[in-house]
Amino acid sequence: MTQQGAALQSYNNELVKCIEDLCTKRDELNKQIQQEEEEKNKLQNDIRILTEKLARVNENLARKMASRNEFDKTIAETEAAYMKILESSQTLLNVLKKEAGNLSKATELKSSVAKDT
């Protein structure tokens, strides 16, 4: 009976040791789980912050692009109007030169007619 008691005691000691080993492994695994959950929460928060920042940047970018398009439109319209002014100025200059030439010819004719009389 003593042998059976000793065997039982030995089995009991091994069983307790196995249970303690399992508890230690479970505790280590639980620490790892907690660390990874903390990392996951931090990453999710970072993603949320970056998503909000991306949305703000996209909104600012859209506003700035719209403003740039307005600038482009205004510049194009102004350049077109300026070209019309230049064309009109050139036409006016040509007409003025032609009229000045005609007036000079008319004045010269009147002067030569006056001299002949």
PDB file of N, CA and C in Angstrom:
ATOM      1  N   MET A   1       0.805  -1.173   0.000  1.00  0.00           N
ATOM      2  CA  MET A   1       0.000   0.000   0.000  1.00  0.00           C
ATOM      3  C   MET A   1       0.864   1.260   0.000  1.00  0.00           C
ATOM      4  N   THR A   2       2.002   1.169   0.622  1.00  0.00           N
ATOM      5  CA  THR A   2       2.898   2.304   0.660  1.00  0.00           C
ATOM      6  C   THR A   2       3.371   2.640  -0.746  1.00  0.00           C
ATOM      7  N   GLN A   3       3.596   1.580  -1.531  1.00  0.00           N
ATOM      8  CA  GLN A   3       4.032   1.827  -2.908  1.00  0.00           C
ATOM      9  C   GLN A   3       2.942   2.535  -3.698  1.00  0.00           C
ATOM     10  N   GLN A   4       1.747   2.121  -3.475  1.00  0.00           N
ATOM     11  CA  GLN A   4       0.635   2.764  -4.174  1.00  0.00           C
ATOM     12  C   GLN A   4       0.477   4.207  -3.717  1.00  0.00           C
ATOM     13  N   GLY A   5       0.658   4.453  -2.444  1.00  0.00           N
ATOM     14  CA  GLY A   5       0.587   5.813  -1.902  1.00  0.00           C
ATOM     15  C   GLY A   5       1.701   6.669  -2.479  1.00  0.00           C
ATOM     16  N   ALA A   6       2.923   6.066  -2.593  1.00  0.00           N
ATOM     17  CA  ALA A   6       4.059   6.812  -3.149  1.00  0.00           C
ATOM     18  C   ALA A   6       3.812   7.111  -4.624  1.00  0.00           C
ATOM     19  N   ALA A   7       3.257   6.130  -5.351  1.00  0.00           N
ATOM     20  CA  ALA A   7       2.964   6.333  -6.764  1.00  0.00           C
ATOM     21  C   ALA A   7       1.896   7.414  -6.921  1.00  0.00           C
ATOM     22  N   LEU A   8       0.896   7.339  -6.057  1.00  0.00           N
ATOM     23  CA  LEU A   8      -0.167   8.341  -6.106  1.00  0.00           C
ATOM     24  C   LEU A   8       0.387   9.738  -5.822  1.00  0.00           C
ATOM     25  N   GLN A   9       1.281   9.813  -4.832  1.00  0.00           N
ATOM     26  CA  GLN A   9       1.911  11.094  -4.487  1.00  0.00           C
ATOM     27  C   GLN A   9       2.742  11.606  -5.661  1.00  0.00           C
ATOM     28  N   SER A  10       3.454  10.696  -6.317  1.00  0.00           N
ATOM     29  CA  SER A  10       4.277  11.066  -7.476  1.00  0.00           C
ATOM     30  C   SER A  10       3.391  11.561  -8.608  1.00  0.00           C
ATOM     31  N   TYR A  11       2.296  10.877  -8.887  1.00  0.00           N
ATOM     32  CA  TYR A  11       1.367  11.300  -9.930  1.00  0.00           C
ATOM     33  C   TYR A  11       0.772  12.676  -9.595  1.00  0.00           C
ATOM     34  N   ASN A  12       0.440  12.826  -8.312  1.00  0.00           N
ATOM     35  CA  ASN A  12      -0.139  14.094  -7.865  1.00  0.00           C
ATOM     36  C   ASN A  12       0.854  15.243  -8.076  1.00  0.00           C
ATOM     37  N   ASN A  13       2.131  15.009  -7.725  1.00  0.00           N
ATOM     38  CA  ASN A  13       3.163  16.042  -7.910  1.00  0.00           C
ATOM     39  C   ASN A  13       3.318  16.397  -9.395  1.00  0.00           C
ATOM     40  N   GLU A  14       3.331  15.392 -10.249  1.00  0.00           N
ATOM     41  CA  GLU A  14       3.456  15.633 -11.695  1.00  0.00           C
ATOM     42  C   GLU A  14       2.238  16.372 -12.224  1.00  0.00           C
ATOM     43  N   LEU A  15       1.080  15.974 -11.732  1.00  0.00           N
ATOM     44  CA  LEU A  15      -0.148  16.635 -12.158  1.00  0.00           C
ATOM     45  C   LEU A  15      -0.135  18.101 -11.745  1.00  0.00           C
ATOM     46  N   VAL A  16       0.242  18.394 -10.519  1.00  0.00           N
ATOM     47  CA  VAL A  16       0.317  19.776 -10.041  1.00  0.00           C
ATOM     48  C   VAL A  16       1.336  20.558 -10.870  1.00  0.00           C
ATOM     49  N   LYS A  17       2.497  19.940 -11.171  1.00  0.00           N
ATOM     50  CA  LYS A  17       3.529  20.602 -11.974  1.00  0.00           C
ATOM     51  C   LYS A  17       3.000  20.894 -13.385  1.00  0.00           C
ATOM     52  N   CYS A  18       2.295  19.929 -13.981  1.00  0.00           N
ATOM     53  CA  CYS A  18       1.727  20.146 -15.321  1.00  0.00           C
ATOM     54  C   CYS A  18       0.711  21.280 -15.305  1.00  0.00           C
ATOM     55  N   ILE A  19      -0.116  21.306 -14.281  1.00  0.00           N
ATOM     56  CA  ILE A  19      -1.121  22.366 -14.176  1.00  0.00           C
ATOM     57  C   ILE A  19      -0.433  23.722 -14.013  1.00  0.00           C
ATOM     58  N   GLU A  20       0.621  23.767 -13.182  1.00  0.00           N
ATOM     59  CA  GLU A  20       1.364  25.018 -12.993  1.00  0.00           C
ATOM     60  C   GLU A  20       2.027  25.454 -14.302  1.00  0.00           C
ATOM     61  N   ASP A  21       2.589  24.512 -15.055  1.00  0.00           N
ATOM     62  CA  ASP A  21       3.197  24.830 -16.352  1.00  0.00           C
ATOM     63  C   ASP A  21       2.154  25.385 -17.324  1.00  0.00           C
ATOM     64  N   LEU A  22       0.994  24.741 -17.340  1.00  0.00           N
ATOM     65  CA  LEU A  22      -0.087  25.217 -18.214  1.00  0.00           C
ATOM     66  C   LEU A  22      -0.538  26.623 -17.812  1.00  0.00           C
ATOM     67  N   CYS A  23      -0.640  26.864 -16.511  1.00  0.00           N
ATOM     68  CA  CYS A  23      -1.036  28.196 -16.026  1.00  0.00           C
ATOM     69  C   CYS A  23       0.017  29.235 -16.408  1.00  0.00           C
ATOM     70  N   THR A  24       1.283  28.885 -16.297  1.00  0.00           N
ATOM     71  CA  THR A  24       2.366  29.805 -16.675  1.00  0.00           C
ATOM     72  C   THR A  24       2.294  30.123 -18.170  1.00  0.00           C
ATOM     73  N   LYS A  25       2.116  29.075 -18.980  1.00  0.00           N
ATOM     74  CA  LYS A  25       2.004  29.295 -20.434  1.00  0.00           C
ATOM     75  C   LYS A  25       0.787  30.138 -20.770  1.00  0.00           C
ATOM     76  N   ARG A  26      -0.331  29.867 -20.077  1.00  0.00           N
ATOM     77  CA  ARG A  26      -1.542  30.659 -20.306  1.00  0.00           C
ATOM     78  C   ARG A  26      -1.311  32.115 -19.929  1.00  0.00           C
ATOM     79  N   ASP A  27      -0.628  32.368 -18.809  1.00  0.00           N
ATOM     80  CA  ASP A  27      -0.350  33.738 -18.383  1.00  0.00           C
ATOM     81  C   ASP A  27       0.549  34.461 -19.392  1.00  0.00           C
ATOM     82  N   GLU A  28       1.544  33.770 -19.910  1.00  0.00           N
ATOM     83  CA  GLU A  28       2.432  34.351 -20.927  1.00  0.00           C
ATOM     84  C   GLU A  28       1.624  34.692 -22.188  1.00  0.00           C
ATOM     85  N   LEU A  29       0.778  33.753 -22.589  1.00  0.00           N
ATOM     86  CA  LEU A  29      -0.054  33.968 -23.758  1.00  0.00           C
ATOM     87  C   LEU A  29      -1.023  35.135 -23.516  1.00  0.00           C
ATOM     88  N   ASN A  30      -1.568  35.223 -22.321  1.00  0.00           N
ATOM     89  CA  ASN A  30      -2.483  36.310 -21.984  1.00  0.00           C
ATOM     90  C   ASN A  30      -1.762  37.661 -22.055  1.00  0.00           C
ATOM     91  N   LYS A  31      -0.503  37.733 -21.592  1.00  0.00           N
ATOM     92  CA  LYS A  31       0.288  38.967 -21.703  1.00  0.00           C
ATOM     93  C   LYS A  31       0.472  39.350 -23.166  1.00  0.00           C
ATOM     94  N   GLN A  32       0.783  38.373 -23.993  1.00  0.00           N
ATOM     95  CA  GLN A  32       0.962  38.628 -25.424  1.00  0.00           C
ATOM     96  C   GLN A  32      -0.342  39.135 -26.051  1.00  0.00           C
ATOM     97  N   ILE A  33      -1.450  38.517 -25.644  1.00  0.00           N
ATOM     98  CA  ILE A  33      -2.754  38.936 -26.159  1.00  0.00           C
ATOM     99  C   ILE A  33      -3.033  40.389 -25.763  1.00  0.00           C
ATOM    100  N   GLN A  34      -2.772  40.737 -24.510  1.00  0.00           N
ATOM    101  CA  GLN A  34      -3.004  42.106 -24.040  1.00  0.00           C
ATOM    102  C   GLN A  34      -2.116  43.096 -24.795  1.00  0.00           C
ATOM    103  N   GLN A  35      -0.842  42.728 -25.017  1.00  0.00           N
ATOM    104  CA  GLN A  35       0.065  43.606 -25.760  1.00  0.00           C
ATOM    105  C   GLN A  35      -0.435  43.821 -27.192  1.00  0.00           C
ATOM    106  N   GLU A  36      -0.867  42.742 -27.810  1.00  0.00           N
ATOM    107  CA  GLU A  36      -1.350  42.858 -29.182  1.00  0.00           C
ATOM    108  C   GLU A  36      -2.669  43.619 -29.250  1.00  0.00           C
ATOM    109  N   GLU A  37      -3.518  43.477 -28.252  1.00  0.00           N
ATOM    110  CA  GLU A  37      -4.755  44.255 -28.221  1.00  0.00           C
ATOM    111  C   GLU A  37      -4.449  45.738 -28.056  1.00  0.00           C
ATOM    112  N   GLU A  38      -3.465  46.053 -27.211  1.00  0.00           N
ATOM    113  CA  GLU A  38      -3.057  47.450 -27.058  1.00  0.00           C
ATOM    114  C   GLU A  38      -2.497  47.991 -28.376  1.00  0.00           C
ATOM    115  N   GLU A  39      -1.668  47.195 -29.038  1.00  0.00           N
ATOM    116  CA  GLU A  39      -1.105  47.597 -30.332  1.00  0.00           C
ATOM    117  C   GLU A  39      -2.223  47.784 -31.360  1.00  0.00           C
ATOM    118  N   LYS A  40      -3.183  46.866 -31.356  1.00  0.00           N
ATOM    119  CA  LYS A  40      -4.323  46.963 -32.276  1.00  0.00           C
ATOM    120  C   LYS A  40      -5.104  48.245 -32.022  1.00  0.00           C
ATOM    121  N   ASN A  41      -5.390  48.559 -30.760  1.00  0.00           N
ATOM    122  CA  ASN A  41      -6.126  49.777 -30.417  1.00  0.00           C
ATOM    123  C   ASN A  41      -5.346  51.019 -30.834  1.00  0.00           C
ATOM    124  N   LYS A  42      -4.032  51.005 -30.618  1.00  0.00           N
ATOM    125  CA  LYS A  42      -3.195  52.143 -31.017  1.00  0.00           C
ATOM    126  C   LYS A  42      -3.240  52.311 -32.533  1.00  0.00           C
ATOM    127  N   LEU A  43      -3.114  51.206 -33.263  1.00  0.00           N
ATOM    128  CA  LEU A  43      -3.151  51.280 -34.725  1.00  0.00           C
ATOM    129  C   LEU A  43      -4.509  51.759 -35.227  1.00  0.00           C
ATOM    130  N   GLN A  44      -5.580  51.276 -34.616  1.00  0.00           N
ATOM    131  CA  GLN A  44      -6.913  51.727 -35.021  1.00  0.00           C
ATOM    132  C   GLN A  44      -7.084  53.225 -34.766  1.00  0.00           C
ATOM    133  N   ASN A  45      -6.550  53.700 -33.656  1.00  0.00           N
ATOM    134  CA  ASN A  45      -6.610  55.133 -33.357  1.00  0.00           C
ATOM    135  C   ASN A  45      -5.786  55.921 -34.374  1.00  0.00           C
ATOM    136  N   ASP A  46      -4.595  55.416 -34.689  1.00  0.00           N
ATOM    137  CA  ASP A  46      -3.749  56.070 -35.698  1.00  0.00           C
ATOM    138  C   ASP A  46      -4.464  56.124 -37.050  1.00  0.00           C
ATOM    139  N   ILE A  47      -5.118  55.017 -37.396  1.00  0.00           N
ATOM    140  CA  ILE A  47      -5.861  54.969 -38.665  1.00  0.00           C
ATOM    141  C   ILE A  47      -6.988  55.997 -38.652  1.00  0.00           C
ATOM    142  N   ARG A  48      -7.694  56.098 -37.538  1.00  0.00           N
ATOM    143  CA  ARG A  48      -8.790  57.074 -37.422  1.00  0.00           C
ATOM    144  C   ARG A  48      -8.246  58.494 -37.584  1.00  0.00           C
ATOM    145  N   ILE A  49      -7.148  58.780 -36.887  1.00  0.00           N
ATOM    146  CA  ILE A  49      -6.549  60.124 -36.977  1.00  0.00           C
ATOM    147  C   ILE A  49      -6.096  60.408 -38.401  1.00  0.00           C
ATOM    148  N   LEU A  50      -5.430  59.434 -39.023  1.00  0.00           N
ATOM    149  CA  LEU A  50      -4.947  59.632 -40.393  1.00  0.00           C
ATOM    150  C   LEU A  50      -6.100  59.749 -41.385  1.00  0.00           C
ATOM    151  N   THR A  51      -7.169  59.016 -41.161  1.00  0.00           N
ATOM    152  CA  THR A  51      -8.340  59.090 -42.040  1.00  0.00           C
ATOM    153  C   THR A  51      -8.964  60.484 -41.957  1.00  0.00           C
ATOM    154  N   GLU A  52      -9.077  61.009 -40.740  1.00  0.00           N
ATOM    155  CA  GLU A  52      -9.611  62.361 -40.571  1.00  0.00           C
ATOM    156  C   GLU A  52      -8.698  63.386 -41.239  1.00  0.00           C
ATOM    157  N   LYS A  53      -7.399  63.207 -41.057  1.00  0.00           N
ATOM    158  CA  LYS A  53      -6.439  64.134 -41.668  1.00  0.00           C
ATOM    159  C   LYS A  53      -6.521  64.054 -43.194  1.00  0.00           C
ATOM    160  N   LEU A  54      -6.634  62.843 -43.726  1.00  0.00           N
ATOM    161  CA  LEU A  54      -6.759  62.660 -45.170  1.00  0.00           C
ATOM    162  C   LEU A  54      -8.015  63.355 -45.690  1.00  0.00           C
ATOM    163  N   ALA A  55      -9.106  63.247 -44.956  1.00  0.00           N
ATOM    164  CA  ALA A  55     -10.356  63.896 -45.370  1.00  0.00           C
ATOM    165  C   ALA A  55     -10.172  65.413 -45.407  1.00  0.00           C
ATOM    166  N   ARG A  56      -9.507  65.979 -44.383  1.00  0.00           N
ATOM    167  CA  ARG A  56      -9.262  67.428 -44.371  1.00  0.00           C
ATOM    168  C   ARG A  56      -8.370  67.842 -45.537  1.00  0.00           C
ATOM    169  N   VAL A  57      -7.328  67.068 -45.791  1.00  0.00           N
ATOM    170  CA  VAL A  57      -6.419  67.391 -46.903  1.00  0.00           C
ATOM    171  C   VAL A  57      -7.178  67.326 -48.230  1.00  0.00           C
ATOM    172  N   ASN A  58      -8.009  66.303 -48.400  1.00  0.00           N
ATOM    173  CA  ASN A  58      -8.796  66.176 -49.636  1.00  0.00           C
ATOM    174  C   ASN A  58      -9.745  67.362 -49.812  1.00  0.00           C
ATOM    175  N   GLU A  59     -10.377  67.806 -48.719  1.00  0.00           N
ATOM    176  CA  GLU A  59     -11.274  68.961 -48.799  1.00  0.00           C
ATOM    177  C   GLU A  59     -10.501  70.221 -49.188  1.00  0.00           C
ATOM    178  N   ASN A  60      -9.355  70.443 -48.536  1.00  0.00           N
ATOM    179  CA  ASN A  60      -8.532  71.619 -48.863  1.00  0.00           C
ATOM    180  C   ASN A  60      -8.052  71.556 -50.304  1.00  0.00           C
ATOM    181  N   LEU A  61      -7.650  70.378 -50.723  1.00  0.00           N
ATOM    182  CA  LEU A  61      -7.162  70.197 -52.089  1.00  0.00           C
ATOM    183  C   LEU A  61      -8.267  70.495 -53.100  1.00  0.00           C
ATOM    184  N   ALA A  62      -9.467  70.027 -52.827  1.00  0.00           N
ATOM    185  CA  ALA A  62     -10.597  70.270 -53.738  1.00  0.00           C
ATOM    186  C   ALA A  62     -10.896  71.770 -53.822  1.00  0.00           C
ATOM    187  N   ARG A  63     -10.881  72.459 -52.665  1.00  0.00           N
ATOM    188  CA  ARG A  63     -11.129  73.905 -52.671  1.00  0.00           C
ATOM    189  C   ARG A  63     -10.040  74.639 -53.458  1.00  0.00           C
ATOM    190  N   LYS A  64      -8.802  74.255 -53.237  1.00  0.00           N
ATOM    191  CA  LYS A  64      -7.694  74.919 -53.926  1.00  0.00           C
ATOM    192  C   LYS A  64      -7.728  74.647 -55.426  1.00  0.00           C
ATOM    193  N   MET A  65      -8.107  73.445 -55.805  1.00  0.00           N
ATOM    194  CA  MET A  65      -8.209  73.126 -57.237  1.00  0.00           C
ATOM    195  C   MET A  65      -9.331  73.942 -57.882  1.00  0.00           C
ATOM    196  N   ALA A  66     -10.435  74.109 -57.176  1.00  0.00           N
ATOM    197  CA  ALA A  66     -11.534  74.924 -57.700  1.00  0.00           C
ATOM    198  C   ALA A  66     -11.085  76.376 -57.854  1.00  0.00           C
ATOM    199  N   SER A  67     -10.339  76.876 -56.873  1.00  0.00           N
ATOM    200  CA  SER A  67      -9.822  78.243 -56.963  1.00  0.00           C
ATOM    201  C   SER A  67      -8.858  78.384 -58.133  1.00  0.00           C
ATOM    202  N   ARG A  68      -7.999  77.389 -58.299  1.00  0.00           N
ATOM    203  CA  ARG A  68      -7.061  77.427 -59.421  1.00  0.00           C
ATOM    204  C   ARG A  68      -7.808  77.443 -60.750  1.00  0.00           C
ATOM    205  N   ASN A  69      -8.872  76.649 -60.841  1.00  0.00           N
ATOM    206  CA  ASN A  69      -9.675  76.628 -62.065  1.00  0.00           C
ATOM    207  C   ASN A  69     -10.303  77.992 -62.332  1.00  0.00           C
ATOM    208  N   GLU A  70     -10.732  78.675 -61.264  1.00  0.00           N
ATOM    209  CA  GLU A  70     -11.284  80.024 -61.420  1.00  0.00           C
ATOM    210  C   GLU A  70     -10.192  80.985 -61.907  1.00  0.00           C
ATOM    211  N   PHE A  71      -8.990  80.863 -61.343  1.00  0.00           N
ATOM    212  CA  PHE A  71      -7.876  81.686 -61.808  1.00  0.00           C
ATOM    213  C   PHE A  71      -7.615  81.433 -63.293  1.00  0.00           C
ATOM    214  N   ASP A  72      -7.568  80.141 -63.672  1.00  0.00           N
ATOM    215  CA  ASP A  72      -7.318  79.797 -65.072  1.00  0.00           C
ATOM    216  C   ASP A  72      -8.371  80.426 -65.989  1.00  0.00           C
ATOM    217  N   LYS A  73      -9.630  80.347 -65.560  1.00  0.00           N
ATOM    218  CA  LYS A  73     -10.730  80.905 -66.358  1.00  0.00           C
ATOM    219  C   LYS A  73     -10.589  82.418 -66.481  1.00  0.00           C
ATOM    220  N   THR A  74     -10.314  83.086 -65.362  1.00  0.00           N
ATOM    221  CA  THR A  74     -10.166  84.545 -65.367  1.00  0.00           C
ATOM    222  C   THR A  74      -8.985  84.964 -66.236  1.00  0.00           C
ATOM    223  N   ILE A  75      -7.875  84.238 -66.105  1.00  0.00           N
ATOM    224  CA  ILE A  75      -6.691  84.558 -66.916  1.00  0.00           C
ATOM    225  C   ILE A  75      -6.996  84.385 -68.395  1.00  0.00           C
ATOM    226  N   ALA A  76      -7.653  83.291 -68.747  1.00  0.00           N
ATOM    227  CA  ALA A  76      -7.980  83.046 -70.159  1.00  0.00           C
ATOM    228  C   ALA A  76      -8.898  84.129 -70.705  1.00  0.00           C
ATOM    229  N   GLU A  77      -9.910  84.505 -69.924  1.00  0.00           N
ATOM    230  CA  GLU A  77     -10.829  85.551 -70.368  1.00  0.00           C
ATOM    231  C   GLU A  77     -10.110  86.891 -70.510  1.00  0.00           C
ATOM    232  N   THR A  78      -9.233  87.190 -69.562  1.00  0.00           N
ATOM    233  CA  THR A  78      -8.493  88.451 -69.595  1.00  0.00           C
ATOM    234  C   THR A  78      -7.541  88.489 -70.788  1.00  0.00           C
ATOM    235  N   GLU A  79      -6.854  87.374 -71.016  1.00  0.00           N
ATOM    236  CA  GLU A  79      -5.946  87.315 -72.164  1.00  0.00           C
ATOM    237  C   GLU A  79      -6.704  87.474 -73.479  1.00  0.00           C
ATOM    238  N   ALA A  80      -7.874  86.847 -73.576  1.00  0.00           N
ATOM    239  CA  ALA A  80      -8.682  86.971 -74.799  1.00  0.00           C
ATOM    240  C   ALA A  80      -9.131  88.425 -74.997  1.00  0.00           C
ATOM    241  N   ALA A  81      -9.573  89.070 -73.927  1.00  0.00           N
ATOM    242  CA  ALA A  81      -9.998  90.472 -74.027  1.00  0.00           C
ATOM    243  C   ALA A  81      -8.806  91.356 -74.390  1.00  0.00           C
ATOM    244  N   TYR A  82      -7.652  91.077 -73.809  1.00  0.00           N
ATOM    245  CA  TYR A  82      -6.452  91.858 -74.105  1.00  0.00           C
ATOM    246  C   TYR A  82      -6.064  91.707 -75.577  1.00  0.00           C
ATOM    247  N   MET A  83      -6.173  90.496 -76.100  1.00  0.00           N
ATOM    248  CA  MET A  83      -5.864  90.279 -77.517  1.00  0.00           C
ATOM    249  C   MET A  83      -6.816  91.075 -78.406  1.00  0.00           C
ATOM    250  N   LYS A  84      -8.092  91.154 -78.020  1.00  0.00           N
ATOM    251  CA  LYS A  84      -9.053  91.952 -78.792  1.00  0.00           C
ATOM    252  C   LYS A  84      -8.675  93.431 -78.748  1.00  0.00           C
ATOM    253  N   ILE A  85      -8.219  93.888 -77.576  1.00  0.00           N
ATOM    254  CA  ILE A  85      -7.781  95.283 -77.447  1.00  0.00           C
ATOM    255  C   ILE A  85      -6.579  95.536 -78.358  1.00  0.00           C
ATOM    256  N   LEU A  86      -5.624  94.600 -78.346  1.00  0.00           N
ATOM    257  CA  LEU A  86      -4.452  94.755 -79.208  1.00  0.00           C
ATOM    258  C   LEU A  86      -4.845  94.798 -80.675  1.00  0.00           C
ATOM    259  N   GLU A  87      -5.744  93.890 -81.061  1.00  0.00           N
ATOM    260  CA  GLU A  87      -6.199  93.874 -82.456  1.00  0.00           C
ATOM    261  C   GLU A  87      -6.901  95.186 -82.813  1.00  0.00           C
ATOM    262  N   SER A  88      -7.748  95.676 -81.918  1.00  0.00           N
ATOM    263  CA  SER A  88      -8.451  96.941 -82.149  1.00  0.00           C
ATOM    264  C   SER A  88      -7.468  98.101 -82.221  1.00  0.00           C
ATOM    265  N   SER A  89      -6.465  98.082 -81.343  1.00  0.00           N
ATOM    266  CA  SER A  89      -5.456  99.139 -81.354  1.00  0.00           C
ATOM    267  C   SER A  89      -4.692  99.135 -82.666  1.00  0.00           C
ATOM    268  N   GLN A  90      -4.345  97.947 -83.131  1.00  0.00           N
ATOM    269  CA  GLN A  90      -3.615  97.857 -84.401  1.00  0.00           C
ATOM    270  C   GLN A  90      -4.495  98.341 -85.555  1.00  0.00           C
ATOM    271  N   THR A  91      -5.750  97.947 -85.541  1.00  0.00           N
ATOM    272  CA  THR A  91      -6.681  98.393 -86.585  1.00  0.00           C
ATOM    273  C   THR A  91      -6.828  99.909 -86.538  1.00  0.00           C
ATOM    274  N   LEU A  92      -6.982 100.453 -85.333  1.00  0.00           N
ATOM    275  CA  LEU A  92      -7.106 101.898 -85.170  1.00  0.00           C
ATOM    276  C   LEU A  92      -5.845 102.611 -85.666  1.00  0.00           C
ATOM    277  N   LEU A  93      -4.679 102.061 -85.331  1.00  0.00           N
ATOM    278  CA  LEU A  93      -3.425 102.645 -85.781  1.00  0.00           C
ATOM    279  C   LEU A  93      -3.328 102.634 -87.297  1.00  0.00           C
ATOM    280  N   ASN A  94      -3.698 101.513 -87.909  1.00  0.00           N
ATOM    281  CA  ASN A  94      -3.670 101.423 -89.375  1.00  0.00           C
ATOM    282  C   ASN A  94      -4.620 102.432 -90.021  1.00  0.00           C
ATOM    283  N   VAL A  95      -5.827 102.542 -89.455  1.00  0.00           N
ATOM    284  CA  VAL A  95      -6.804 103.502 -89.980  1.00  0.00           C
ATOM    285  C   VAL A  95      -6.267 104.928 -89.823  1.00  0.00           C
ATOM    286  N   LEU A  96      -5.692 105.215 -88.655  1.00  0.00           N
ATOM    287  CA  LEU A  96      -5.161 106.551 -88.402  1.00  0.00           C
ATOM    288  C   LEU A  96      -4.019 106.888 -89.364  1.00  0.00           C
ATOM    289  N   LYS A  97      -3.137 105.921 -89.584  1.00  0.00           N
ATOM    290  CA  LYS A  97      -2.027 106.149 -90.519  1.00  0.00           C
ATOM    291  C   LYS A  97      -2.563 106.404 -91.930  1.00  0.00           C
ATOM    292  N   LYS A  98      -3.552 105.624 -92.307  1.00  0.00           N
ATOM    293  CA  LYS A  98      -4.139 105.784 -93.639  1.00  0.00           C
ATOM    294  C   LYS A  98      -4.786 107.158 -93.769  1.00  0.00           C
ATOM    295  N   GLU A  99      -5.559 107.547 -92.749  1.00  0.00           N
ATOM    296  CA  GLU A  99      -6.221 108.856 -92.762  1.00  0.00           C
ATOM    297  C   GLU A  99      -5.191 109.984 -92.746  1.00  0.00           C
ATOM    298  N   ALA A 100      -4.118 109.821 -91.967  1.00  0.00           N
ATOM    299  CA  ALA A 100      -3.072 110.851 -91.910  1.00  0.00           C
ATOM    300  C   ALA A 100      -2.410 110.974 -93.280  1.00  0.00           C
ATOM    301  N   GLY A 101      -2.196 109.838 -93.919  1.00  0.00           N
ATOM    302  CA  GLY A 101      -1.622 109.863 -95.266  1.00  0.00           C
ATOM    303  C   GLY A 101      -2.549 110.555 -96.238  1.00  0.00           C
ATOM    304  N   ASN A 102      -3.832 110.242 -96.160  1.00  0.00           N
ATOM    305  CA  ASN A 102      -4.817 110.871 -97.039  1.00  0.00           C
ATOM    306  C   ASN A 102      -4.884 112.374 -96.789  1.00  0.00           C
ATOM    307  N   LEU A 103      -4.832 112.765 -95.490  1.00  0.00           N
ATOM    308  CA  LEU A 103      -4.870 114.192 -95.169  1.00  0.00           C
ATOM    309  C   LEU A 103      -3.622 114.898 -95.694  1.00  0.00           C
ATOM    310  N   SER A 104      -2.473 114.213 -95.567  1.00  0.00           N
ATOM    311  CA  SER A 104      -1.230 114.808 -96.082  1.00  0.00           C
ATOM    312  C   SER A 104      -1.328 114.991 -97.583  1.00  0.00           C
ATOM    313  N   LYS A 105      -1.839 114.006 -98.291  1.00  0.00           N
ATOM    314  CA  LYS A 105      -1.985 114.105 -99.752  1.00  0.00           C
ATOM    315  C   LYS A 105      -2.951 115.227-100.119  1.00  0.00           C
ATOM    316  N   ALA A 106      -4.047 115.300 -99.384  1.00  0.00           N
ATOM    317  CA  ALA A 106      -5.045 116.341 -99.669  1.00  0.00           C
ATOM    318  C   ALA A 106      -4.455 117.709 -99.417  1.00  0.00           C
ATOM    319  N   THR A 107      -3.661 117.841 -98.336  1.00  0.00           N
ATOM    320  CA  THR A 107      -3.038 119.121 -98.015  1.00  0.00           C
ATOM    321  C   THR A 107      -2.018 119.484 -99.075  1.00  0.00           C
ATOM    322  N   GLU A 108      -1.250 118.502 -99.524  1.00  0.00           N
ATOM    323  CA  GLU A 108      -0.252 118.760-100.561  1.00  0.00           C
ATOM    324  C   GLU A 108      -0.930 119.187-101.861  1.00  0.00           C
ATOM    325  N   LEU A 109      -2.040 118.539-102.209  1.00  0.00           N
ATOM    326  CA  LEU A 109      -2.759 118.909-103.433  1.00  0.00           C
ATOM    327  C   LEU A 109      -3.290 120.338-103.341  1.00  0.00           C
ATOM    328  N   LYS A 110      -3.831 120.700-102.179  1.00  0.00           N
ATOM    329  CA  LYS A 110      -4.380 122.046-101.995  1.00  0.00           C
ATOM    330  C   LYS A 110      -3.257 123.084-102.084  1.00  0.00           C
ATOM    331  N   SER A 111      -2.096 122.721-101.504  1.00  0.00           N
ATOM    332  CA  SER A 111      -0.974 123.649-101.543  1.00  0.00           C
ATOM    333  C   SER A 111      -0.481 123.815-102.966  1.00  0.00           C
ATOM    334  N   SER A 112      -0.378 122.749-103.714  1.00  0.00           N
ATOM    335  CA  SER A 112       0.122 122.866-105.075  1.00  0.00           C
ATOM    336  C   SER A 112      -0.901 123.571-105.956  1.00  0.00           C
ATOM    337  N   VAL A 113      -2.199 123.376-105.719  1.00  0.00           N
ATOM    338  CA  VAL A 113      -3.240 124.067-106.483  1.00  0.00           C
ATOM    339  C   VAL A 113      -3.188 125.556-106.149  1.00  0.00           C
ATOM    340  N   ALA A 114      -2.960 125.899-104.921  1.00  0.00           N
ATOM    341  CA  ALA A 114      -2.894 127.298-104.503  1.00  0.00           C
ATOM    342  C   ALA A 114      -1.682 127.963-105.116  1.00  0.00           C
ATOM    343  N   LYS A 115      -0.574 127.258-105.238  1.00  0.00           N
ATOM    344  CA  LYS A 115       0.630 127.817-105.824  1.00  0.00           C
ATOM    345  C   LYS A 115       0.426 128.050-107.313  1.00  0.00           C
ATOM    346  N   ASP A 116      -0.301 127.186-107.947  1.00  0.00           N
ATOM    347  CA  ASP A 116      -0.510 127.302-109.395  1.00  0.00           C
ATOM    348  C   ASP A 116      -1.429 128.466-109.721  1.00  0.00           C
ATOM    349  N   THR A 117      -2.230 128.885-108.863  1.00  0.00           N
ATOM    350  CA  THR A 117      -3.175 129.964-109.188  1.00  0.00           C
ATOM    351  C   THR A 117      -2.634 131.293-108.908  1.00  0.00           C
TER     352      THR A 117
END
